[in-house]
Amino acid sequence: MQRELLERLREITEEERRILDGVGEVDKDLYTSGKDFTVDSKKMLEEGKLLAVRTHTRFVHFPAHRHNFIEVLYVCEGTLTNIIDGKSIVVHKGELLFLNQFTRHEILPAGENDIAINFMVLPEFFDVAYTMAGSNNVLADFLVNVLRQDEERGEFLHFKVAEVLQIQNLLENIIYSMVTGKGNQSRINQTTMGLIFLYLVDSVQYVEMRLPNQYENMVSMTTLDYIEQQYKNATLTELCEKLHLPMHSLSKMIKKNTGFNFKELLQRKRLNKAAELMCDTDLPVSDIIAAVGYENNSYFHRVFKERYHMTPRAFRMKNRREMQVRL
């Protein structure tokens, strides 16, 4: 992160100054109007805004509290320790912690050099990210659905992405924009966060999560990531070997948590990739069929037409003319 921006984030805020002067505890009136310590979006976000950002308040213990919005914690420098259901979650420099709505947690005091950003996000904000990911991206569906839950179940996603430079650069851009208040860039910021979300979808190998049925969710996430990365040669048999699960158990788990069986998930990914290649390259259709893992050209043409209601050639001509892919 640029030194100039980091130094700006390091500045002592008015709230922190009061704490250092001896107040010693969080002023709950800044965060909520109710008796229960639920941080209220009406207090934290301007009317009509779906996203706001603030530096995390240091030097004080944040007692157990919830939010009626999605909170994303990003650590710019140092560390930040959250306690969720009695478990310590230490977020290090460059990492992201997504806390679902009404997830109860507390935060241990941060020191002067522990610089963190709180993104306060209403669930509707992810509509843009969802659109950018594409309506047939099952992995994105899975993550978006997690973030739309509104029950107190202690859910979080911890992305250890300090080494993913694209995510770090995008985060710096959005933090700079929102902290400096350079113009009305709400749409740009929303799109930037959508791009961050897309990179996170491609970085699920770096995620730790706590969700109901955590084991099943991790198996489902692993399955979706396996298909995303290995769609050309992916097989259910190989995945069963990787996960050390019998085929009938894994198949039942995948169907329960994604709504599709393994074959359907794999076919959706292969057809999406084929459509992308048809619109973005000049490769012959026969080469594209082989590139996405199909050996039978006739079968590919049949399933492609069932999905898109036109032949691959017609699809290519139509979408090239419109300069966009219709997924």
Protein backbone atom coordinates (compact mmCIF):
# COMPACT_ATOMS: atom_id res chain seq x y z
CA MET A 1 0.00 0.00 0.00
CA GLN A 2 1.23 3.51 -0.81
CA ARG A 3 3.00 5.11 2.14
CA GLU A 4 0.95 8.31 1.77
CA LEU A 5 -2.36 6.43 2.02
CA LEU A 6 -1.14 4.25 4.88
CA GLU A 7 -0.03 7.29 6.86
CA ARG A 8 -3.43 8.86 6.33
CA LEU A 9 -5.12 5.73 7.65
CA ARG A 10 -2.73 5.70 10.62
CA GLU A 11 -3.87 9.14 11.82
CA ILE A 12 -5.54 9.21 15.25
CA THR A 13 -9.29 9.75 14.85
CA GLU A 14 -11.46 11.82 17.17
CA GLU A 15 -12.95 8.63 18.63
CA GLU A 16 -9.50 7.16 19.23
CA ARG A 17 -8.32 10.40 20.85
CA ARG A 18 -11.14 10.19 23.39
CA ILE A 19 -10.19 6.59 24.13
CA LEU A 20 -6.53 7.53 24.64
CA ASP A 21 -7.63 10.39 26.89
CA GLY A 22 -9.19 7.90 29.27
CA VAL A 23 -12.72 7.05 28.12
CA GLY A 24 -11.64 3.41 27.99
CA GLU A 25 -14.61 1.86 26.21
CA VAL A 26 -16.56 1.97 22.98
CA ASP A 27 -19.19 4.72 22.71
CA LYS A 28 -22.12 2.53 21.64
CA ASP A 29 -24.22 5.57 20.73
CA LEU A 30 -21.97 6.05 17.69
CA TYR A 31 -22.99 2.64 16.39
CA THR A 32 -26.50 1.82 17.53
CA SER A 33 -29.74 3.32 18.82
CA GLY A 34 -30.99 0.17 20.52
CA LYS A 35 -30.19 -1.52 23.80
CA ASP A 36 -28.74 -4.57 22.08
CA PHE A 37 -25.29 -3.85 20.64
CA THR A 38 -26.28 -4.30 17.00
CA VAL A 39 -24.35 -1.93 14.77
CA ASP A 40 -27.00 -0.23 12.63
CA SER A 41 -26.56 0.44 8.92
CA LYS A 42 -28.61 3.64 9.35
CA LYS A 43 -25.86 4.94 11.64
CA MET A 44 -22.98 3.81 9.46
CA LEU A 45 -24.14 4.37 5.86
CA GLU A 46 -25.50 7.49 4.24
CA GLU A 47 -29.08 7.18 3.03
CA GLY A 48 -29.20 5.51 -0.38
CA LYS A 49 -25.65 4.16 -0.13
CA LEU A 50 -24.94 0.43 -0.33
CA LEU A 51 -21.30 0.66 0.77
CA ALA A 52 -19.33 2.69 3.30
CA VAL A 53 -15.79 2.46 4.63
CA ARG A 54 -14.10 3.55 7.84
CA THR A 55 -10.87 2.78 9.65
CA HIS A 56 -11.20 0.32 12.49
CA THR A 57 -11.07 2.03 15.89
CA ARG A 58 -7.90 1.05 17.76
CA PHE A 59 -6.83 0.98 21.42
CA VAL A 60 -10.10 -0.46 22.72
CA HIS A 61 -11.81 -3.81 23.14
CA PHE A 62 -14.99 -4.08 21.08
CA PRO A 63 -17.41 -6.16 23.17
CA ALA A 64 -19.62 -8.78 21.56
CA HIS A 65 -21.80 -7.16 18.92
CA ARG A 66 -23.61 -7.84 15.65
CA HIS A 67 -24.35 -5.89 12.46
CA ASN A 68 -27.50 -5.64 10.36
CA PHE A 69 -25.26 -5.54 7.28
CA ILE A 70 -22.34 -7.53 5.90
CA GLU A 71 -19.00 -6.41 7.31
CA VAL A 72 -15.75 -6.94 5.45
CA LEU A 73 -12.56 -6.41 7.45
CA TYR A 74 -9.35 -5.76 5.53
CA VAL A 75 -6.03 -5.44 7.35
CA CYS A 76 -3.63 -2.94 5.76
CA GLU A 77 -0.89 -3.34 8.36
CA GLY A 78 -0.37 -5.52 11.43
CA THR A 79 -3.15 -7.87 12.61
CA LEU A 80 -6.70 -7.80 13.95
CA THR A 81 -8.06 -10.52 16.23
CA ASN A 82 -11.78 -11.41 16.18
CA ILE A 83 -13.45 -13.78 18.62
CA ILE A 84 -16.31 -15.67 16.97
CA ASP A 85 -18.11 -18.34 18.99
CA GLY A 86 -15.12 -18.55 21.31
CA LYS A 87 -12.62 -19.06 18.47
CA SER A 88 -9.83 -16.56 17.75
CA ILE A 89 -9.65 -15.53 14.09
CA VAL A 90 -6.45 -13.57 13.49
CA VAL A 91 -6.62 -11.54 10.27
CA HIS A 92 -3.14 -10.66 9.01
CA LYS A 93 -1.93 -7.96 6.66
CA GLY A 94 -3.53 -8.31 3.22
CA GLU A 95 -6.29 -10.68 4.37
CA LEU A 96 -10.08 -10.26 4.25
CA LEU A 97 -12.70 -11.41 6.73
CA PHE A 98 -16.33 -11.44 5.55
CA LEU A 99 -18.76 -11.43 8.49
CA ASN A 100 -22.33 -12.28 7.63
CA GLN A 101 -25.29 -10.30 8.84
CA PHE A 102 -25.94 -10.75 12.57
CA THR A 103 -22.77 -12.78 13.12
CA ARG A 104 -21.89 -12.02 16.74
CA HIS A 105 -18.22 -11.30 17.39
CA GLU A 106 -15.85 -9.27 19.52
CA ILE A 107 -12.55 -7.65 18.59
CA LEU A 108 -9.46 -7.48 20.77
CA PRO A 109 -7.74 -4.07 21.10
CA ALA A 110 -5.67 -3.10 18.06
CA GLY A 111 -2.36 -1.28 18.54
CA GLU A 112 -1.24 1.91 16.84
CA ASN A 113 0.33 -0.02 13.96
CA ASP A 114 -2.62 -2.37 13.46
CA ILE A 115 -4.37 -0.59 10.59
CA ALA A 116 -7.63 -2.12 9.38
CA ILE A 117 -10.52 -1.02 7.19
CA ASN A 118 -14.17 -1.82 7.81
CA PHE A 119 -16.27 -2.13 4.66
CA MET A 120 -19.94 -1.90 5.62
CA VAL A 121 -22.01 -3.50 2.88
CA LEU A 122 -25.74 -3.96 2.37
CA PRO A 123 -26.62 -7.33 0.76
CA GLU A 124 -28.02 -5.63 -2.38
CA PHE A 125 -24.52 -4.40 -3.09
CA PHE A 126 -23.59 -7.89 -4.27
CA ASP A 127 -26.16 -7.75 -7.07
CA VAL A 128 -23.50 -6.10 -9.25
CA ALA A 129 -20.89 -8.70 -8.30
CA TYR A 130 -23.41 -11.45 -9.00
CA THR A 131 -24.19 -10.00 -12.44
CA MET A 132 -20.49 -9.68 -13.26
CA ALA A 133 -19.87 -13.29 -12.25
CA GLY A 134 -22.57 -14.53 -14.63
CA SER A 135 -25.84 -16.23 -13.87
CA ASN A 136 -24.36 -19.69 -14.44
CA ASN A 137 -21.32 -19.39 -12.16
CA VAL A 138 -22.27 -21.90 -9.48
CA LEU A 139 -19.26 -21.04 -7.34
CA ALA A 140 -20.31 -17.38 -7.29
CA ASP A 141 -23.89 -18.48 -6.51
CA PHE A 142 -22.60 -20.42 -3.54
CA LEU A 143 -20.68 -17.47 -2.07
CA VAL A 144 -23.41 -14.91 -2.76
CA ASN A 145 -25.99 -17.11 -1.07
CA VAL A 146 -23.74 -17.34 1.98
CA LEU A 147 -23.58 -13.55 2.13
CA ARG A 148 -27.35 -13.15 1.84
CA GLN A 149 -28.18 -15.13 4.98
CA ASP A 150 -29.72 -13.05 7.74
CA GLU A 151 -29.75 -15.41 10.70
CA GLU A 152 -27.43 -15.35 13.70
CA ARG A 153 -25.33 -18.39 12.87
CA GLY A 154 -21.77 -17.13 13.35
CA GLU A 155 -20.90 -17.33 9.67
CA PHE A 156 -17.67 -15.97 8.23
CA LEU A 157 -15.35 -16.34 5.25
CA HIS A 158 -11.64 -15.69 5.88
CA PHE A 159 -9.71 -15.10 2.64
CA LYS A 160 -5.93 -15.38 3.04
CA VAL A 161 -5.12 -13.51 -0.17
CA ALA A 162 -2.17 -11.31 0.83
CA GLU A 163 -0.18 -12.69 -2.13
CA VAL A 164 -2.90 -12.14 -4.75
CA LEU A 165 -1.70 -8.83 -6.19
CA GLN A 166 -4.84 -8.17 -8.26
CA ILE A 167 -6.98 -8.20 -5.11
CA GLN A 168 -4.51 -6.03 -3.19
CA ASN A 169 -4.37 -3.44 -5.98
CA LEU A 170 -8.15 -3.26 -6.31
CA LEU A 171 -8.58 -2.91 -2.55
CA GLU A 172 -6.07 -0.07 -2.46
CA ASN A 173 -7.96 1.68 -5.28
CA ILE A 174 -11.32 1.47 -3.55
CA ILE A 175 -9.89 2.49 -0.15
CA TYR A 176 -8.14 5.50 -1.68
CA SER A 177 -11.31 6.54 -3.49
CA MET A 178 -13.55 6.27 -0.45
CA VAL A 179 -11.12 7.70 2.12
CA THR A 180 -10.19 10.73 0.01
CA GLY A 181 -13.76 11.25 -1.24
CA LYS A 182 -12.61 11.99 -4.77
CA GLY A 183 -15.86 12.78 -6.54
CA ASN A 184 -19.01 10.69 -6.75
CA GLN A 185 -17.58 7.28 -7.58
CA SER A 186 -20.18 4.98 -6.04
CA ARG A 187 -20.71 3.07 -9.28
CA ILE A 188 -16.95 2.73 -9.83
CA ASN A 189 -16.50 1.52 -6.26
CA GLN A 190 -19.35 -0.97 -6.64
CA THR A 191 -17.82 -2.30 -9.84
CA THR A 192 -14.37 -2.45 -8.23
CA MET A 193 -15.77 -4.50 -5.36
CA GLY A 194 -17.43 -6.71 -7.96
CA LEU A 195 -14.01 -7.31 -9.53
CA ILE A 196 -12.59 -8.12 -6.10
CA PHE A 197 -15.40 -10.63 -5.65
CA LEU A 198 -14.55 -12.26 -9.00
CA TYR A 199 -10.92 -12.66 -7.96
CA LEU A 200 -12.06 -14.11 -4.63
CA VAL A 201 -14.16 -16.65 -6.53
CA ASP A 202 -10.94 -17.68 -8.28
CA SER A 203 -9.10 -17.79 -4.93
CA VAL A 204 -11.31 -20.14 -2.93
CA GLN A 205 -8.28 -22.32 -2.25
CA TYR A 206 -7.22 -19.59 0.18
CA VAL A 207 -10.49 -19.41 2.13
CA GLU A 208 -11.33 -20.66 5.60
CA MET A 209 -14.99 -20.62 6.53
CA ARG A 210 -17.39 -21.25 9.32
CA LEU A 211 -20.86 -22.10 8.08
CA PRO A 212 -23.67 -24.40 9.17
CA ASN A 213 -22.80 -27.92 7.99
CA GLN A 214 -19.24 -26.66 7.66
CA TYR A 215 -17.81 -29.96 6.46
CA GLU A 216 -20.40 -30.33 3.71
CA ASN A 217 -19.89 -26.72 2.63
CA MET A 218 -16.13 -27.22 2.44
CA VAL A 219 -16.63 -30.36 0.34
CA SER A 220 -18.98 -28.45 -1.96
CA MET A 221 -16.52 -25.56 -2.26
CA THR A 222 -13.71 -27.99 -3.05
CA THR A 223 -15.89 -29.65 -5.70
CA LEU A 224 -16.75 -26.34 -7.36
CA ASP A 225 -13.13 -25.21 -7.31
CA TYR A 226 -12.00 -28.57 -8.75
CA ILE A 227 -14.45 -28.22 -11.65
CA GLU A 228 -13.47 -24.57 -12.15
CA GLN A 229 -9.78 -25.47 -12.44
CA GLN A 230 -9.87 -28.96 -13.98
CA TYR A 231 -13.00 -28.89 -16.17
CA LYS A 232 -11.27 -30.40 -19.19
CA ASN A 233 -10.34 -33.68 -17.47
CA ALA A 234 -12.41 -33.60 -14.26
CA THR A 235 -14.10 -36.83 -13.18
CA LEU A 236 -16.19 -37.75 -10.18
CA THR A 237 -13.96 -40.77 -9.58
CA GLU A 238 -10.84 -38.61 -9.29
CA LEU A 239 -12.62 -36.17 -6.96
CA CYS A 240 -13.76 -39.03 -4.73
CA GLU A 241 -10.15 -40.17 -4.47
CA LYS A 242 -8.98 -36.65 -3.60
CA LEU A 243 -11.61 -36.25 -0.88
CA HIS A 244 -11.46 -39.89 0.32
CA LEU A 245 -15.22 -40.20 0.05
CA PRO A 246 -17.37 -42.96 -1.49
CA MET A 247 -19.08 -41.91 -4.70
CA HIS A 248 -22.65 -42.21 -3.40
CA SER A 249 -21.88 -40.02 -0.34
CA LEU A 250 -20.12 -37.32 -2.35
CA SER A 251 -22.83 -37.29 -5.02
CA LYS A 252 -25.55 -36.85 -2.40
CA MET A 253 -23.59 -34.04 -0.68
CA ILE A 254 -22.98 -32.15 -3.94
CA LYS A 255 -26.64 -32.33 -4.96
CA LYS A 256 -27.85 -31.23 -1.52
CA ASN A 257 -25.58 -28.18 -1.29
CA THR A 258 -25.49 -26.92 -4.90
CA GLY A 259 -28.78 -28.12 -6.37
CA PHE A 260 -26.97 -29.95 -9.20
CA ASN A 261 -25.24 -33.28 -9.58
CA PHE A 262 -21.56 -33.53 -10.57
CA LYS A 263 -22.28 -34.17 -14.25
CA GLU A 264 -24.57 -31.12 -14.45
CA LEU A 265 -22.00 -28.86 -12.76
CA LEU A 266 -19.25 -30.06 -15.07
CA GLN A 267 -21.40 -29.62 -18.17
CA ARG A 268 -22.41 -26.07 -17.16
CA LYS A 269 -18.75 -25.12 -16.73
CA ARG A 270 -17.67 -26.70 -20.03
CA LEU A 271 -20.48 -25.04 -22.00
CA ASN A 272 -19.78 -21.66 -20.37
CA LYS A 273 -16.13 -21.96 -21.34
CA ALA A 274 -17.00 -23.05 -24.87
CA ALA A 275 -19.31 -20.04 -25.27
CA GLU A 276 -16.56 -17.74 -24.01
CA LEU A 277 -14.01 -19.17 -26.46
CA MET A 278 -16.44 -18.88 -29.36
CA CYS A 279 -16.90 -15.18 -28.73
CA ASP A 280 -13.35 -14.26 -27.72
CA THR A 281 -11.25 -16.34 -30.15
CA ASP A 282 -11.15 -17.47 -33.78
CA LEU A 283 -10.61 -21.12 -32.87
CA PRO A 284 -12.59 -23.59 -34.98
CA VAL A 285 -15.55 -25.07 -33.12
CA SER A 286 -13.95 -28.53 -33.31
CA ASP A 287 -10.87 -27.22 -31.46
CA ILE A 288 -13.04 -25.55 -28.83
CA ILE A 289 -14.93 -28.80 -28.28
CA ALA A 290 -11.65 -30.58 -27.57
CA ALA A 291 -10.33 -27.70 -25.43
CA VAL A 292 -13.25 -27.90 -23.00
CA GLY A 293 -13.07 -31.66 -22.60
CA TYR A 294 -15.62 -33.16 -25.01
CA GLU A 295 -14.61 -36.07 -27.23
CA ASN A 296 -17.90 -36.53 -29.08
CA ASN A 297 -18.70 -33.62 -31.40
CA SER A 298 -22.29 -34.71 -32.00
CA TYR A 299 -22.98 -34.89 -28.26
CA PHE A 300 -21.49 -31.41 -27.76
CA HIS A 301 -23.68 -29.92 -30.51
CA ARG A 302 -26.76 -31.52 -28.95
CA VAL A 303 -26.17 -30.30 -25.39
CA PHE A 304 -25.05 -26.86 -26.60
CA LYS A 305 -28.27 -26.43 -28.56
CA GLU A 306 -30.33 -27.60 -25.58
CA ARG A 307 -28.63 -24.95 -23.43
CA TYR A 308 -28.52 -21.96 -25.80
CA HIS A 309 -31.33 -22.86 -28.22
CA MET A 310 -29.09 -22.41 -31.26
CA THR A 311 -26.14 -24.08 -32.92
CA PRO A 312 -22.56 -23.15 -31.89
CA ARG A 313 -22.06 -21.38 -35.25
CA ALA A 314 -25.23 -19.32 -34.87
CA PHE A 315 -24.28 -18.48 -31.28
CA ARG A 316 -20.88 -17.24 -32.38
CA MET A 317 -22.30 -15.06 -35.14
CA LYS A 318 -25.02 -13.59 -32.93
CA ASN A 319 -22.80 -12.73 -29.98
CA ARG A 320 -19.93 -11.41 -32.04
CA ARG A 321 -22.33 -9.06 -33.74
CA GLU A 322 -23.62 -7.87 -30.35
CA MET A 323 -20.10 -7.79 -28.87
CA GLN A 324 -21.17 -9.64 -25.75
CA VAL A 325 -21.60 -13.16 -24.49
CA ARG A 326 -25.13 -14.25 -23.63
CA LEU A 327 -24.60 -16.82 -20.82
